[in-house]
Amino acid sequence: AYPDARSFLADDAPSAPGCLVLDVKMPGMTGMELQAELVRRGFIAPIVFLSAHGDIDMAVKAMRVGAFDFIPKPIDPPRLLKAVADAVAEDRRRRLGLPTKEALEARLSQLTDRERQILRYAVRGLSNREIAEALDVSPKTVEAHKTALFRRLEVQGAAEAKALLDAFGAKV
């Protein structure tokens, strides 16, 4: 917590993961001015704005510049907590270079039923031979399907596919 925007700019390490919760009206520099300065500096952490004085135009402008959410006062605590949790998750996703949930779902929708079966076994750590035996196919067939499904998911192998699925809690 900082008493004003200038203190934050002087003291904080903008490369740290997380999100900012800013009021539109703050002492000295406003929340909107701080957002503009952070954008100018290339700071990409999500911003959740709070305001008793905001209007639709202000909210739209903040969102266009990259705000994650704009919450009117009085604050609904569950809404604020969800916005912060979602903003932190978004920051983590961006920092790790992960796709959006929608992009992952689109990739998963491209898989055939057989590729999904093989992916389920692969992310559990089974070898091509073990997968082949379980599905009564050849190991070469398993390898061909794995190559195709890893290409569609845009991952390098089973470990990366598992990490991607785990990051979103996705099931195949």
Protein backbone atom coordinates (compact mmCIF):
# COMPACT_ATOMS: atom_id res chain seq x y z
CA ALA A 1 0.00 0.00 0.00
CA TYR A 2 1.23 3.46 -0.90
CA PRO A 3 -0.06 6.88 0.17
CA ASP A 4 0.00 8.15 -3.43
CA ALA A 5 1.00 7.30 -6.99
CA ARG A 6 4.38 9.06 -6.86
CA SER A 7 5.42 6.95 -3.84
CA PHE A 8 4.50 3.83 -5.77
CA LEU A 9 6.47 4.92 -8.84
CA ALA A 10 9.53 5.75 -6.72
CA ASP A 11 9.48 2.58 -4.64
CA ASP A 12 7.81 -0.33 -6.39
CA ALA A 13 9.36 -2.89 -8.71
CA PRO A 14 6.85 -2.98 -11.56
CA SER A 15 8.27 -6.28 -12.73
CA ALA A 16 6.88 -8.05 -9.66
CA PRO A 17 3.87 -10.29 -10.40
CA GLY A 18 0.42 -9.26 -9.22
CA CYS A 19 -2.04 -6.49 -9.94
CA LEU A 20 -2.72 -2.92 -8.91
CA VAL A 21 -5.90 -1.75 -7.21
CA LEU A 22 -6.21 1.98 -7.90
CA ASP A 23 -8.78 4.55 -7.00
CA VAL A 24 -9.63 6.99 -9.75
CA LYS A 25 -9.23 9.91 -7.34
CA MET A 26 -5.99 9.75 -5.39
CA PRO A 27 -3.83 12.46 -3.81
CA GLY A 28 -1.62 14.14 -6.41
CA MET A 29 -1.58 11.98 -9.51
CA THR A 30 -4.98 10.38 -10.29
CA GLY A 31 -5.38 6.68 -10.93
CA MET A 32 -5.94 7.40 -14.62
CA GLU A 33 -2.73 9.47 -14.77
CA LEU A 34 -0.83 6.67 -13.02
CA GLN A 35 -2.20 4.18 -15.53
CA ALA A 36 -1.02 6.41 -18.39
CA GLU A 37 2.46 6.70 -16.84
CA LEU A 38 2.68 2.94 -16.32
CA VAL A 39 1.67 2.32 -19.93
CA ARG A 40 4.31 4.83 -21.04
CA ARG A 41 6.90 2.88 -19.02
CA GLY A 42 5.78 -0.46 -20.48
CA PHE A 43 4.37 -1.74 -17.20
CA ILE A 44 1.82 -4.43 -18.00
CA ALA A 45 0.42 -5.59 -14.63
CA PRO A 46 -3.37 -5.66 -14.60
CA ILE A 47 -5.13 -2.70 -12.97
CA VAL A 48 -8.42 -2.91 -11.10
CA PHE A 49 -9.94 0.55 -10.76
CA LEU A 50 -12.26 1.61 -7.94
CA SER A 51 -14.31 4.76 -8.15
CA ALA A 52 -17.17 6.61 -6.55
CA HIS A 53 -16.71 9.31 -9.17
CA GLY A 54 -16.34 7.33 -12.37
CA ASP A 55 -18.73 7.32 -15.25
CA ILE A 56 -19.16 5.08 -18.28
CA ASP A 57 -16.83 7.17 -20.45
CA MET A 58 -14.09 7.00 -17.80
CA ALA A 59 -14.52 3.23 -17.41
CA VAL A 60 -14.39 2.70 -21.17
CA LYS A 61 -11.25 4.85 -21.46
CA ALA A 62 -9.54 2.95 -18.63
CA MET A 63 -10.43 -0.40 -20.20
CA ARG A 64 -9.23 0.69 -23.64
CA VAL A 65 -5.88 1.63 -22.15
CA GLY A 66 -5.67 -1.80 -20.54
CA ALA A 67 -7.45 -1.77 -17.17
CA PHE A 68 -8.54 -5.22 -16.09
CA ASP A 69 -11.73 -4.11 -14.32
CA PHE A 70 -13.53 -0.95 -13.19
CA ILE A 71 -15.58 -1.35 -10.01
CA PRO A 72 -17.93 1.36 -8.74
CA LYS A 73 -18.13 2.28 -5.07
CA PRO A 74 -19.53 1.25 -2.70
CA ILE A 75 -17.38 -1.83 -3.17
CA ASP A 76 -18.95 -5.27 -3.25
CA PRO A 77 -16.20 -7.29 -1.45
CA PRO A 78 -16.81 -10.60 -3.29
CA ARG A 79 -16.66 -8.78 -6.62
CA LEU A 80 -13.43 -7.02 -5.67
CA LEU A 81 -11.83 -10.27 -4.46
CA LYS A 82 -12.82 -12.06 -7.67
CA ALA A 83 -11.50 -9.19 -9.80
CA VAL A 84 -8.16 -9.24 -7.96
CA ALA A 85 -7.89 -13.06 -8.18
CA ASP A 86 -8.70 -12.97 -11.90
CA ALA A 87 -6.25 -10.11 -12.50
CA VAL A 88 -3.44 -11.96 -10.70
CA ALA A 89 -4.22 -15.12 -12.68
CA GLU A 90 -4.11 -13.07 -15.91
CA ASP A 91 -0.77 -11.55 -14.92
CA ARG A 92 0.62 -15.02 -14.18
CA ARG A 93 -0.66 -16.33 -17.53
CA ARG A 94 0.97 -13.46 -19.43
CA ARG A 95 4.28 -13.75 -17.56
CA LEU A 96 4.45 -17.48 -18.25
CA GLY A 97 3.54 -16.97 -21.91
CA LEU A 98 0.44 -19.14 -21.59
CA PRO A 99 -2.45 -18.79 -24.02
CA THR A 100 -5.81 -17.51 -22.86
CA LYS A 101 -8.34 -20.06 -21.65
CA GLU A 102 -10.34 -19.46 -24.84
CA ALA A 103 -7.26 -20.11 -26.99
CA LEU A 104 -6.55 -23.35 -25.11
CA GLU A 105 -10.16 -24.47 -25.54
CA ALA A 106 -9.92 -23.72 -29.26
CA ARG A 107 -6.75 -25.80 -29.50
CA LEU A 108 -8.34 -28.67 -27.56
CA SER A 109 -11.41 -28.59 -29.81
CA GLN A 110 -9.15 -29.38 -32.79
CA LEU A 111 -8.10 -32.74 -31.31
CA THR A 112 -9.64 -35.93 -32.61
CA ASP A 113 -11.13 -38.43 -30.19
CA ARG A 114 -8.07 -40.68 -30.60
CA GLU A 115 -5.70 -37.76 -29.95
CA ARG A 116 -7.65 -36.95 -26.77
CA GLN A 117 -7.31 -40.57 -25.64
CA ILE A 118 -3.58 -40.53 -26.28
CA LEU A 119 -3.20 -37.14 -24.58
CA ARG A 120 -4.92 -38.50 -21.43
CA TYR A 121 -2.37 -41.31 -21.24
CA ALA A 122 0.60 -39.14 -22.22
CA VAL A 123 0.01 -36.53 -19.50
CA ARG A 124 -0.14 -39.35 -16.95
CA GLY A 125 3.41 -40.27 -18.00
CA LEU A 126 2.76 -43.46 -19.97
CA SER A 127 5.26 -44.41 -22.66
CA ASN A 128 4.30 -44.85 -26.30
CA ARG A 129 4.46 -48.62 -25.85
CA GLU A 130 2.18 -48.52 -22.79
CA ILE A 131 -0.30 -46.27 -24.59
CA ALA A 132 -0.19 -48.54 -27.65
CA GLU A 133 -0.95 -51.59 -25.53
CA ALA A 134 -3.82 -49.84 -23.74
CA LEU A 135 -5.39 -48.73 -27.05
CA ASP A 136 -4.45 -51.86 -29.05
CA VAL A 137 -2.53 -49.90 -31.69
CA SER A 138 1.12 -49.79 -32.71
CA PRO A 139 3.66 -47.54 -30.95
CA LYS A 140 4.26 -45.81 -34.32
CA THR A 141 0.56 -44.94 -34.49
CA VAL A 142 0.77 -43.46 -30.99
CA GLU A 143 3.83 -41.43 -31.99
CA ALA A 144 2.08 -40.08 -35.10
CA HIS A 145 -0.96 -39.02 -33.04
CA LYS A 146 1.24 -37.45 -30.35
CA THR A 147 3.11 -35.44 -32.97
CA ALA A 148 -0.19 -34.14 -34.37
CA LEU A 149 -1.75 -33.34 -31.01
CA PHE A 150 1.36 -31.59 -29.68
CA ARG A 151 1.44 -29.47 -32.85
CA ARG A 152 -2.26 -28.56 -32.40
CA LEU A 153 -1.73 -27.70 -28.73
CA GLU A 154 1.46 -25.78 -29.62
CA VAL A 155 3.54 -27.64 -27.03
CA GLN A 156 6.84 -29.52 -27.24
CA GLY A 157 5.81 -32.68 -25.41
CA ALA A 158 3.70 -34.38 -22.77
CA ALA A 159 5.21 -32.49 -19.83
CA GLU A 160 4.46 -29.12 -21.43
CA ALA A 161 0.95 -30.28 -22.36
CA LYS A 162 0.34 -31.38 -18.75
CA ALA A 163 1.60 -28.05 -17.40
CA LEU A 164 -0.68 -26.16 -19.80
CA LEU A 165 -3.73 -28.25 -18.90
CA ASP A 166 -2.95 -27.98 -15.17
CA ALA A 167 -2.54 -24.20 -15.38
CA PHE A 168 -6.17 -23.91 -16.51
CA GLY A 169 -7.59 -26.95 -14.76
CA ALA A 170 -8.54 -28.23 -18.21
CA LYS A 171 -9.67 -31.79 -18.72
CA VAL A 172 -9.39 -33.89 -21.87
